[in-house]
PDB file of N, CA and C in Angstrom:
ATOM      1  N   MET A   1       3.431  -6.247  13.028  1.00  0.00           N
ATOM      2  CA  MET A   1       3.717  -7.416  14.013  1.00  0.00           C
ATOM      3  C   MET A   1       4.365  -6.749  15.180  1.00  0.00           C
ATOM      4  N   ALA A   2       4.699  -5.411  15.204  1.00  0.00           N
ATOM      5  CA  ALA A   2       4.911  -4.856  16.451  1.00  0.00           C
ATOM      6  C   ALA A   2       3.808  -4.314  17.219  1.00  0.00           C
ATOM      7  N   THR A   3       2.864  -4.196  16.628  1.00  0.00           N
ATOM      8  CA  THR A   3       1.357  -3.687  17.254  1.00  0.00           C
ATOM      9  C   THR A   3       0.985  -5.204  18.108  1.00  0.00           C
ATOM     10  N   ILE A   4       1.264  -6.209  17.666  1.00  0.00           N
ATOM     11  CA  ILE A   4       0.561  -7.396  18.535  1.00  0.00           C
ATOM     12  C   ILE A   4       1.666  -7.680  19.589  1.00  0.00           C
ATOM     13  N   ALA A   5       2.808  -7.695  19.306  1.00  0.00           N
ATOM     14  CA  ALA A   5       3.881  -7.816  20.248  1.00  0.00           C
ATOM     15  C   ALA A   5       3.755  -6.849  21.574  1.00  0.00           C
ATOM     16  N   LEU A   6       3.733  -5.371  20.893  1.00  0.00           N
ATOM     17  CA  LEU A   6       3.662  -4.419  22.168  1.00  0.00           C
ATOM     18  C   LEU A   6       2.288  -4.572  22.839  1.00  0.00           C
ATOM     19  N   GLY A   7       1.506  -4.799  22.138  1.00  0.00           N
ATOM     20  CA  GLY A   7      -0.166  -4.941  22.871  1.00  0.00           C
ATOM     21  C   GLY A   7      -0.113  -6.143  23.754  1.00  0.00           C
ATOM     22  N   THR A   8       0.451  -7.192  23.554  1.00  0.00           N
ATOM     23  CA  THR A   8       0.523  -8.222  24.248  1.00  0.00           C
ATOM     24  C   THR A   8       1.272  -8.082  25.843  1.00  0.00           C
ATOM     25  N   VAL A   9       2.488  -7.359  25.357  1.00  0.00           N
ATOM     26  CA  VAL A   9       3.646  -6.964  26.727  1.00  0.00           C
ATOM     27  C   VAL A   9       3.046  -6.041  27.325  1.00  0.00           C
ATOM     28  N   GLY A  10       2.235  -5.086  26.717  1.00  0.00           N
ATOM     29  CA  GLY A  10       1.517  -3.898  27.433  1.00  0.00           C
ATOM     30  C   GLY A  10       0.195  -4.527  28.404  1.00  0.00           C
ATOM     31  N   GLY A  11      -0.282  -5.411  27.748  1.00  0.00           N
ATOM     32  CA  GLY A  11      -1.298  -6.205  28.616  1.00  0.00           C
ATOM     33  C   GLY A  11      -1.211  -6.706  29.663  1.00  0.00           C
ATOM     34  N   ILE A  12       0.163  -7.468  29.821  1.00  0.00           N
ATOM     35  CA  ILE A  12       0.893  -8.111  30.734  1.00  0.00           C
ATOM     36  C   ILE A  12       1.328  -7.327  31.862  1.00  0.00           C
ATOM     37  N   LEU A  13       1.948  -6.234  31.576  1.00  0.00           N
ATOM     38  CA  LEU A  13       2.430  -5.188  32.311  1.00  0.00           C
ATOM     39  C   LEU A  13       1.473  -4.421  33.236  1.00  0.00           C
ATOM     40  N   GLY A  14       0.483  -3.915  32.217  1.00  0.00           N
ATOM     41  CA  GLY A  14      -0.662  -3.243  33.043  1.00  0.00           C
ATOM     42  C   GLY A  14      -1.471  -4.071  33.614  1.00  0.00           C
ATOM     43  N   GLY A  15      -1.554  -5.488  33.540  1.00  0.00           N
ATOM     44  CA  GLY A  15      -2.509  -6.384  34.303  1.00  0.00           C
ATOM     45  C   GLY A  15      -1.884  -6.734  35.458  1.00  0.00           C
ATOM     46  N   ALA A  16      -0.313  -6.618  35.503  1.00  0.00           N
ATOM     47  CA  ALA A  16       0.539  -6.898  37.030  1.00  0.00           C
ATOM     48  C   ALA A  16       0.404  -5.642  37.600  1.00  0.00           C
ATOM     49  N   ILE A  17       0.149  -4.624  37.154  1.00  0.00           N
ATOM     50  CA  ILE A  17       0.107  -3.196  37.911  1.00  0.00           C
ATOM     51  C   ILE A  17      -1.241  -2.641  38.366  1.00  0.00           C
ATOM     52  N   GLY A  18      -2.078  -2.991  37.538  1.00  0.00           N
ATOM     53  CA  GLY A  18      -3.680  -2.426  37.706  1.00  0.00           C
ATOM     54  C   GLY A  18      -4.724  -3.247  37.632  1.00  0.00           C
ATOM     55  N   GLY A  19      -4.353  -4.642  37.444  1.00  0.00           N
ATOM     56  CA  GLY A  19      -5.575  -5.530  37.501  1.00  0.00           C
ATOM     57  C   GLY A  19      -6.129  -5.634  36.163  1.00  0.00           C
ATOM     58  N   PRO A  20      -7.386  -6.056  36.240  1.00  0.00           N
ATOM     59  CA  PRO A  20      -8.063  -6.153  34.696  1.00  0.00           C
ATOM     60  C   PRO A  20      -8.353  -4.769  33.875  1.00  0.00           C
ATOM     61  N   ILE A  21      -8.395  -3.868  34.580  1.00  0.00           N
ATOM     62  CA  ILE A  21      -8.538  -2.425  33.837  1.00  0.00           C
ATOM     63  C   ILE A  21      -7.099  -1.896  33.408  1.00  0.00           C
ATOM     64  N   GLY A  22      -6.045  -2.299  34.311  1.00  0.00           N
ATOM     65  CA  GLY A  22      -4.661  -1.922  33.832  1.00  0.00           C
ATOM     66  C   GLY A  22      -4.486  -2.711  32.634  1.00  0.00           C
ATOM     67  N   ALA A  23      -4.966  -4.092  32.568  1.00  0.00           N
ATOM     68  CA  ALA A  23      -4.439  -5.064  31.427  1.00  0.00           C
ATOM     69  C   ALA A  23      -4.876  -4.497  30.194  1.00  0.00           C
ATOM     70  N   ILE A  24      -6.232  -4.019  30.269  1.00  0.00           N
ATOM     71  CA  ILE A  24      -6.961  -3.109  29.224  1.00  0.00           C
ATOM     72  C   ILE A  24      -6.381  -1.974  28.661  1.00  0.00           C
ATOM     73  N   ALA A  25      -5.898  -1.032  29.394  1.00  0.00           N
ATOM     74  CA  ALA A  25      -5.359   0.160  29.188  1.00  0.00           C
ATOM     75  C   ALA A  25      -3.805  -0.016  28.767  1.00  0.00           C
ATOM     76  N   GLY A  26      -3.073  -0.967  29.638  1.00  0.00           N
ATOM     77  CA  GLY A  26      -1.587  -1.468  28.928  1.00  0.00           C
ATOM     78  C   GLY A  26      -1.552  -2.005  27.494  1.00  0.00           C
ATOM     79  N   ARG A  27      -2.936  -2.905  27.174  1.00  0.00           N
ATOM     80  CA  ARG A  27      -2.835  -3.183  25.830  1.00  0.00           C
ATOM     81  C   ARG A  27      -3.159  -2.181  24.854  1.00  0.00           C
ATOM     82  N   ALA A  28      -3.821  -1.119  25.485  1.00  0.00           N
ATOM     83  CA  ALA A  28      -4.063  -0.220  24.380  1.00  0.00           C
ATOM     84  C   ALA A  28      -3.001   0.825  24.210  1.00  0.00           C
ATOM     85  N   VAL A  29      -2.286   0.854  25.016  1.00  0.00           N
ATOM     86  CA  VAL A  29      -1.151   1.700  24.874  1.00  0.00           C
ATOM     87  C   VAL A  29      -0.281   1.014  24.305  1.00  0.00           C
ATOM     88  N   GLY A  30       0.175  -0.276  24.456  1.00  0.00           N
ATOM     89  CA  GLY A  30       1.308  -0.927  23.771  1.00  0.00           C
ATOM     90  C   GLY A  30       0.920  -1.096  22.453  1.00  0.00           C
ATOM     91  N   ALA A  31      -0.575  -1.591  21.832  1.00  0.00           N
ATOM     92  CA  ALA A  31      -0.787  -1.491  20.545  1.00  0.00           C
ATOM     93  C   ALA A  31      -0.800  -0.389  19.902  1.00  0.00           C
ATOM     94  N   LEU A  32      -1.191   1.046  20.515  1.00  0.00           N
ATOM     95  CA  LEU A  32      -0.876   2.186  19.965  1.00  0.00           C
ATOM     96  C   LEU A  32       0.824   2.528  19.661  1.00  0.00           C
ATOM     97  N   ALA A  33       1.587   1.939  20.468  1.00  0.00           N
ATOM     98  CA  ALA A  33       2.977   2.414  20.476  1.00  0.00           C
ATOM     99  C   ALA A  33       3.707   1.250  19.459  1.00  0.00           C
ATOM    100  N   GLY A  34       2.723   0.221  19.112  1.00  0.00           N
ATOM    101  CA  GLY A  34       3.332  -0.736  18.120  1.00  0.00           C
ATOM    102  C   GLY A  34       2.992  -0.383  16.646  1.00  0.00           C
ATOM    103  N   SER A  35       1.940   0.290  16.774  1.00  0.00           N
ATOM    104  CA  SER A  35       1.368   0.653  15.376  1.00  0.00           C
ATOM    105  C   SER A  35       1.948   1.704  15.105  1.00  0.00           C
ATOM    106  N   PHE A  36       2.808   2.553  15.785  1.00  0.00           N
ATOM    107  CA  PHE A  36       3.478   3.879  15.411  1.00  0.00           C
ATOM    108  C   PHE A  36       4.661   3.097  14.835  1.00  0.00           C
ATOM    109  N   VAL A  37       5.341   2.059  15.490  1.00  0.00           N
ATOM    110  CA  VAL A  37       6.605   1.390  15.160  1.00  0.00           C
ATOM    111  C   VAL A  37       6.407   0.848  13.937  1.00  0.00           C
ATOM    112  N   ASP A  38       5.248  -0.124  13.779  1.00  0.00           N
ATOM    113  CA  ASP A  38       5.160  -0.507  12.415  1.00  0.00           C
ATOM    114  C   ASP A  38       4.996   0.385  11.120  1.00  0.00           C
ATOM    115  N   GLN A  39       4.211   1.802  11.447  1.00  0.00           N
ATOM    116  CA  GLN A  39       4.393   2.621  10.613  1.00  0.00           C
ATOM    117  C   GLN A  39       5.703   3.252  10.050  1.00  0.00           C
ATOM    118  N   GLN A  40       6.450   3.437  11.167  1.00  0.00           N
ATOM    119  CA  GLN A  40       7.961   3.760  10.572  1.00  0.00           C
ATOM    120  C   GLN A  40       8.712   2.820   9.994  1.00  0.00           C
ATOM    121  N   ILE A  41       8.420   1.611  10.204  1.00  0.00           N
ATOM    122  CA  ILE A  41       9.345   0.454   9.830  1.00  0.00           C
ATOM    123  C   ILE A  41       8.870   0.376   8.020  1.00  0.00           C
ATOM    124  N   VAL A  42       7.663   0.441   7.934  1.00  0.00           N
ATOM    125  CA  VAL A  42       6.988   0.505   6.553  1.00  0.00           C
ATOM    126  C   VAL A  42       7.579   1.424   5.954  1.00  0.00           C
ATOM    127  N   ALA A  43       7.482   2.846   6.652  1.00  0.00           N
ATOM    128  CA  ALA A  43       7.884   3.969   5.757  1.00  0.00           C
ATOM    129  C   ALA A  43       9.374   3.870   5.222  1.00  0.00           C
ATOM    130  N   ALA A  44       9.984   3.389   6.085  1.00  0.00           N
ATOM    131  CA  ALA A  44      11.669   3.238   6.136  1.00  0.00           C
ATOM    132  C   ALA A  44      11.715   2.137   4.781  1.00  0.00           C
ATOM    133  N   LEU A  45      11.213   1.272   4.763  1.00  0.00           N
ATOM    134  CA  LEU A  45      11.454   0.141   3.710  1.00  0.00           C
ATOM    135  C   LEU A  45      10.677   0.382   2.419  1.00  0.00           C
ATOM    136  N   THR A  46       9.817   1.246   2.433  1.00  0.00           N
ATOM    137  CA  THR A  46       9.025   1.575   0.816  1.00  0.00           C
ATOM    138  C   THR A  46       9.695   2.668   0.406  1.00  0.00           C
ATOM    139  N   PRO A  47      10.174   2.568  -1.095  1.00  0.00           N
ATOM    140  CA  PRO A  47      10.585   3.666  -1.656  1.00  0.00           C
ATOM    141  C   PRO A  47       9.529   4.796  -2.032  1.00  0.00           C
ATOM    142  N   PRO A  48      10.159   6.036  -2.032  1.00  0.00           N
ATOM    143  CA  PRO A  48       9.169   7.178  -2.063  1.00  0.00           C
ATOM    144  C   PRO A  48       8.339   7.374  -3.562  1.00  0.00           C
ATOM    145  N   VAL A  49       7.222   7.443  -3.546  1.00  0.00           N
ATOM    146  CA  VAL A  49       6.445   7.329  -4.838  1.00  0.00           C
ATOM    147  C   VAL A  49       6.456   8.807  -5.495  1.00  0.00           C
ATOM    148  N   ARG A  50       7.125   8.845  -6.899  1.00  0.00           N
ATOM    149  CA  ARG A  50       6.721  10.380  -7.346  1.00  0.00           C
ATOM    150  C   ARG A  50       5.653  10.161  -8.401  1.00  0.00           C
ATOM    151  N   ARG A  51       4.691  11.285  -8.498  1.00  0.00           N
ATOM    152  CA  ARG A  51       3.541  11.109  -9.559  1.00  0.00           C
ATOM    153  C   ARG A  51       3.749  12.230 -10.282  1.00  0.00           C
ATOM    154  N   GLU A  52       4.222  12.084 -11.504  1.00  0.00           N
ATOM    155  CA  GLU A  52       4.262  13.230 -12.486  1.00  0.00           C
ATOM    156  C   GLU A  52       2.995  13.025 -13.536  1.00  0.00           C
ATOM    157  N   GLY A  53       2.603  14.191 -14.107  1.00  0.00           N
ATOM    158  CA  GLY A  53       1.576  14.155 -15.263  1.00  0.00           C
ATOM    159  C   GLY A  53       1.057  15.491 -15.560  1.00  0.00           C
ATOM    160  N   PRO A  54       0.180  15.487 -16.488  1.00  0.00           N
ATOM    161  CA  PRO A  54      -0.510  16.675 -16.913  1.00  0.00           C
ATOM    162  C   PRO A  54      -1.285  17.283 -15.879  1.00  0.00           C
ATOM    163  N   ARG A  55      -1.259  18.669 -15.854  1.00  0.00           N
ATOM    164  CA  ARG A  55      -2.100  19.368 -14.772  1.00  0.00           C
ATOM    165  C   ARG A  55      -3.049  20.087 -15.441  1.00  0.00           C
ATOM    166  N   LEU A  56      -4.211  20.339 -14.691  1.00  0.00           N
ATOM    167  CA  LEU A  56      -5.556  20.910 -15.212  1.00  0.00           C
ATOM    168  C   LEU A  56      -4.885  22.563 -15.357  1.00  0.00           C
ATOM    169  N   THR A  57      -5.244  23.354 -16.684  1.00  0.00           N
ATOM    170  CA  THR A  57      -4.856  24.504 -16.419  1.00  0.00           C
ATOM    171  C   THR A  57      -6.283  25.096 -16.390  1.00  0.00           C
ATOM    172  N   THR A  58      -7.512  25.049 -16.345  1.00  0.00           N
ATOM    173  CA  THR A  58      -8.642  25.446 -15.786  1.00  0.00           C
ATOM    174  C   THR A  58      -9.420  24.444 -15.010  1.00  0.00           C
ATOM    175  N   SER A  59     -10.354  25.316 -14.290  1.00  0.00           N
ATOM    176  CA  SER A  59     -11.198  24.626 -13.431  1.00  0.00           C
ATOM    177  C   SER A  59     -12.590  24.123 -14.236  1.00  0.00           C
ATOM    178  N   ALA A  60     -12.717  22.889 -14.352  1.00  0.00           N
ATOM    179  CA  ALA A  60     -13.793  22.597 -15.179  1.00  0.00           C
ATOM    180  C   ALA A  60     -14.904  22.071 -14.132  1.00  0.00           C
ATOM    181  N   ARG A  61     -14.825  22.323 -13.146  1.00  0.00           N
ATOM    182  CA  ARG A  61     -15.543  21.196 -11.874  1.00  0.00           C
ATOM    183  C   ARG A  61     -17.072  21.910 -12.010  1.00  0.00           C
ATOM    184  N   GLY A  62     -18.225  20.710 -12.197  1.00  0.00           N
ATOM    185  CA  GLY A  62     -19.451  21.254 -12.255  1.00  0.00           C
ATOM    186  C   GLY A  62     -19.958  21.601 -13.590  1.00  0.00           C
ATOM    187  N   ARG A  63     -19.263  21.458 -14.591  1.00  0.00           N
ATOM    188  CA  ARG A  63     -19.486  21.871 -15.826  1.00  0.00           C
ATOM    189  C   ARG A  63     -19.709  20.525 -16.695  1.00  0.00           C
ATOM    190  N   SER A  64     -20.720  20.502 -17.331  1.00  0.00           N
ATOM    191  CA  SER A  64     -21.098  19.277 -18.373  1.00  0.00           C
ATOM    192  C   SER A  64     -21.123  19.790 -19.546  1.00  0.00           C
ATOM    193  N   PRO A  65     -20.481  19.226 -20.581  1.00  0.00           N
ATOM    194  CA  PRO A  65     -20.804  19.483 -22.027  1.00  0.00           C
ATOM    195  C   PRO A  65     -22.246  19.612 -22.595  1.00  0.00           C
ATOM    196  N   ALA A  66     -23.029  18.392 -21.956  1.00  0.00           N
ATOM    197  CA  ALA A  66     -24.404  18.396 -22.261  1.00  0.00           C
ATOM    198  C   ALA A  66     -25.301  19.552 -21.858  1.00  0.00           C
ATOM    199  N   SER A  67     -24.760  20.058 -20.784  1.00  0.00           N
ATOM    200  CA  SER A  67     -25.720  21.338 -20.091  1.00  0.00           C
ATOM    201  C   SER A  67     -25.090  22.394 -20.817  1.00  0.00           C
ATOM    202  N   GLY A  68     -24.571  22.568 -21.983  1.00  0.00           N
ATOM    203  CA  GLY A  68     -24.127  23.597 -22.327  1.00  0.00           C
ATOM    204  C   GLY A  68     -22.718  24.624 -21.550  1.00  0.00           C
ATOM    205  N   GLY A  69     -22.538  23.883 -20.583  1.00  0.00           N
ATOM    206  CA  GLY A  69     -21.385  24.333 -19.989  1.00  0.00           C
ATOM    207  C   GLY A  69     -21.562  25.701 -18.807  1.00  0.00           C
ATOM    208  N   SER A  70     -23.086  25.432 -18.744  1.00  0.00           N
ATOM    209  CA  SER A  70     -23.379  26.550 -17.612  1.00  0.00           C
ATOM    210  C   SER A  70     -23.138  26.428 -16.380  1.00  0.00           C
ATOM    211  N   GLY A  71     -22.603  25.162 -15.875  1.00  0.00           N
ATOM    212  CA  GLY A  71     -22.276  25.017 -14.471  1.00  0.00           C
ATOM    213  C   GLY A  71     -23.495  24.509 -13.596  1.00  0.00           C
ATOM    214  N   ARG A  72     -24.500  25.033 -14.196  1.00  0.00           N
ATOM    215  CA  ARG A  72     -25.560  24.517 -13.210  1.00  0.00           C
ATOM    216  C   ARG A  72     -26.143  23.162 -13.185  1.00  0.00           C
ATOM    217  N   THR A  73     -26.585  22.781 -12.161  1.00  0.00           N
ATOM    218  CA  THR A  73     -27.027  21.503 -11.704  1.00  0.00           C
ATOM    219  C   THR A  73     -28.551  21.476 -11.788  1.00  0.00           C
ATOM    220  N   ALA A  74     -29.256  20.802 -12.365  1.00  0.00           N
ATOM    221  CA  ALA A  74     -30.674  20.519 -12.191  1.00  0.00           C
ATOM    222  C   ALA A  74     -31.105  19.629 -10.916  1.00  0.00           C
ATOM    223  N   ARG A  75     -31.488  20.055  -9.929  1.00  0.00           N
ATOM    224  CA  ARG A  75     -31.720  19.481  -8.862  1.00  0.00           C
ATOM    225  C   ARG A  75     -33.122  19.260  -8.769  1.00  0.00           C
ATOM    226  N   ARG A  76     -34.210  19.798  -9.369  1.00  0.00           N
ATOM    227  CA  ARG A  76     -35.363  19.676  -9.185  1.00  0.00           C
ATOM    228  C   ARG A  76     -36.011  18.124  -9.564  1.00  0.00           C
ATOM    229  N   SER A  77     -35.477  17.590 -10.200  1.00  0.00           N
ATOM    230  CA  SER A  77     -35.754  16.335 -10.672  1.00  0.00           C
ATOM    231  C   SER A  77     -35.340  15.267  -9.231  1.00  0.00           C
ATOM    232  N   SER A  78     -34.536  15.605  -8.592  1.00  0.00           N
ATOM    233  CA  SER A  78     -34.423  14.752  -7.484  1.00  0.00           C
ATOM    234  C   SER A  78     -35.050  14.946  -6.419  1.00  0.00           C
ATOM    235  N   LEU A  79     -35.963  16.019  -6.227  1.00  0.00           N
ATOM    236  CA  LEU A  79     -36.707  16.240  -5.172  1.00  0.00           C
ATOM    237  C   LEU A  79     -38.196  15.664  -5.432  1.00  0.00           C
ATOM    238  N   LYS A  80     -38.599  14.883  -6.549  1.00  0.00           N
ATOM    239  CA  LYS A  80     -39.865  14.398  -6.683  1.00  0.00           C
ATOM    240  C   LYS A  80     -40.053  13.213  -5.814  1.00  0.00           C
ATOM    241  N   PRO A  81     -41.287  13.012  -5.385  1.00  0.00           N
ATOM    242  CA  PRO A  81     -41.621  11.908  -4.296  1.00  0.00           C
ATOM    243  C   PRO A  81     -41.494  10.638  -5.250  1.00  0.00           C
ATOM    244  N   ILE A  82     -41.346   9.669  -4.342  1.00  0.00           N
ATOM    245  CA  ILE A  82     -41.095   8.039  -4.907  1.00  0.00           C
ATOM    246  C   ILE A  82     -42.400   7.597  -4.492  1.00  0.00           C
ATOM    247  N   ARG A  83     -43.202   6.866  -5.476  1.00  0.00           N
ATOM    248  CA  ARG A  83     -43.994   6.305  -5.185  1.00  0.00           C
ATOM    249  C   ARG A  83     -43.819   4.802  -5.004  1.00  0.00           C
ATOM    250  N   SER A  84     -44.056   3.979  -4.204  1.00  0.00           N
ATOM    251  CA  SER A  84     -43.905   2.686  -3.887  1.00  0.00           C
ATOM    252  C   SER A  84     -45.167   1.842  -4.083  1.00  0.00           C
ATOM    253  N   GLY A  85     -45.126   0.701  -4.204  1.00  0.00           N
ATOM    254  CA  GLY A  85     -46.397  -0.308  -4.137  1.00  0.00           C
ATOM    255  C   GLY A  85     -46.098  -1.137  -3.230  1.00  0.00           C
ATOM    256  N   ALA A  86     -46.116  -0.704  -1.924  1.00  0.00           N
ATOM    257  CA  ALA A  86     -45.680  -1.258  -0.784  1.00  0.00           C
ATOM    258  C   ALA A  86     -47.177  -2.610  -0.782  1.00  0.00           C
ATOM    259  N   THR A  87     -46.920  -3.605  -0.208  1.00  0.00           N
ATOM    260  CA  THR A  87     -47.883  -4.688  -0.060  1.00  0.00           C
ATOM    261  C   THR A  87     -47.578  -5.202   1.369  1.00  0.00           C
ATOM    262  N   TRP A  88     -48.812  -5.088   1.972  1.00  0.00           N
ATOM    263  CA  TRP A  88     -48.916  -5.388   3.623  1.00  0.00           C
ATOM    264  C   TRP A  88     -49.034  -6.784   3.740  1.00  0.00           C
ATOM    265  N   ALA A  89     -48.267  -7.356   4.570  1.00  0.00           N
ATOM    266  CA  ALA A  89     -48.443  -8.818   4.782  1.00  0.00           C
ATOM    267  C   ALA A  89     -49.952  -9.165   5.933  1.00  0.00           C
ATOM    268  N   THR A  90     -50.403  -8.040   6.336  1.00  0.00           N
ATOM    269  CA  THR A  90     -51.480  -8.374   7.112  1.00  0.00           C
ATOM    270  C   THR A  90     -52.884  -7.720   6.488  1.00  0.00           C
ATOM    271  N   ARG A  91     -53.956  -8.192   6.835  1.00  0.00           N
ATOM    272  CA  ARG A  91     -55.106  -7.632   6.066  1.00  0.00           C
ATOM    273  C   ARG A  91     -55.476  -6.398   6.697  1.00  0.00           C
ATOM    274  N   SER A  92     -55.913  -5.735   5.492  1.00  0.00           N
ATOM    275  CA  SER A  92     -56.404  -4.121   5.810  1.00  0.00           C
ATOM    276  C   SER A  92     -57.888  -4.124   6.404  1.00  0.00           C
ATOM    277  N   SER A  93     -57.796  -3.142   7.413  1.00  0.00           N
ATOM    278  CA  SER A  93     -59.062  -3.148   8.110  1.00  0.00           C
ATOM    279  C   SER A  93     -60.190  -2.284   7.193  1.00  0.00           C
ATOM    280  N   SER A  94     -59.456  -1.343   6.254  1.00  0.00           N
ATOM    281  CA  SER A  94     -60.346  -0.685   5.488  1.00  0.00           C
ATOM    282  C   SER A  94     -61.150  -1.510   3.935  1.00  0.00           C
ATOM    283  N   PRO A  95     -62.261  -1.521   3.801  1.00  0.00           N
ATOM    284  CA  PRO A  95     -63.096  -2.418   2.855  1.00  0.00           C
ATOM    285  C   PRO A  95     -62.369  -2.074   1.426  1.00  0.00           C
ATOM    286  N   ILE A  96     -62.391  -3.068   0.565  1.00  0.00           N
ATOM    287  CA  ILE A  96     -61.479  -2.756  -0.619  1.00  0.00           C
ATOM    288  C   ILE A  96     -62.558  -2.318  -1.786  1.00  0.00           C
ATOM    289  N   ARG A  97     -62.344  -1.342  -2.499  1.00  0.00           N
ATOM    290  CA  ARG A  97     -62.984  -0.897  -3.119  1.00  0.00           C
ATOM    291  C   ARG A  97     -63.035  -0.838  -4.629  1.00  0.00           C
TER     292      ARG A  97
END
């Protein structure tokens, strides 16, 4: 809510000082300040979150049980060209065989 209020006030003050360009700059500065105020209010009213739970003991990143746990990734299959059956809406200039 402070973002809207301070943005409007900044636009009015900036417009009075610098015309249309000042109004744009004032509104941007006011909205930035209002956003900061909103974040501080929400952070003060929100209780802190504590996350507890099991932790990983080893790094199992990139390993799959299906691959035998080697950690290698088969990327060759993703490099195959894709064949498409594109149908053109215009007549072809080449004869049909």
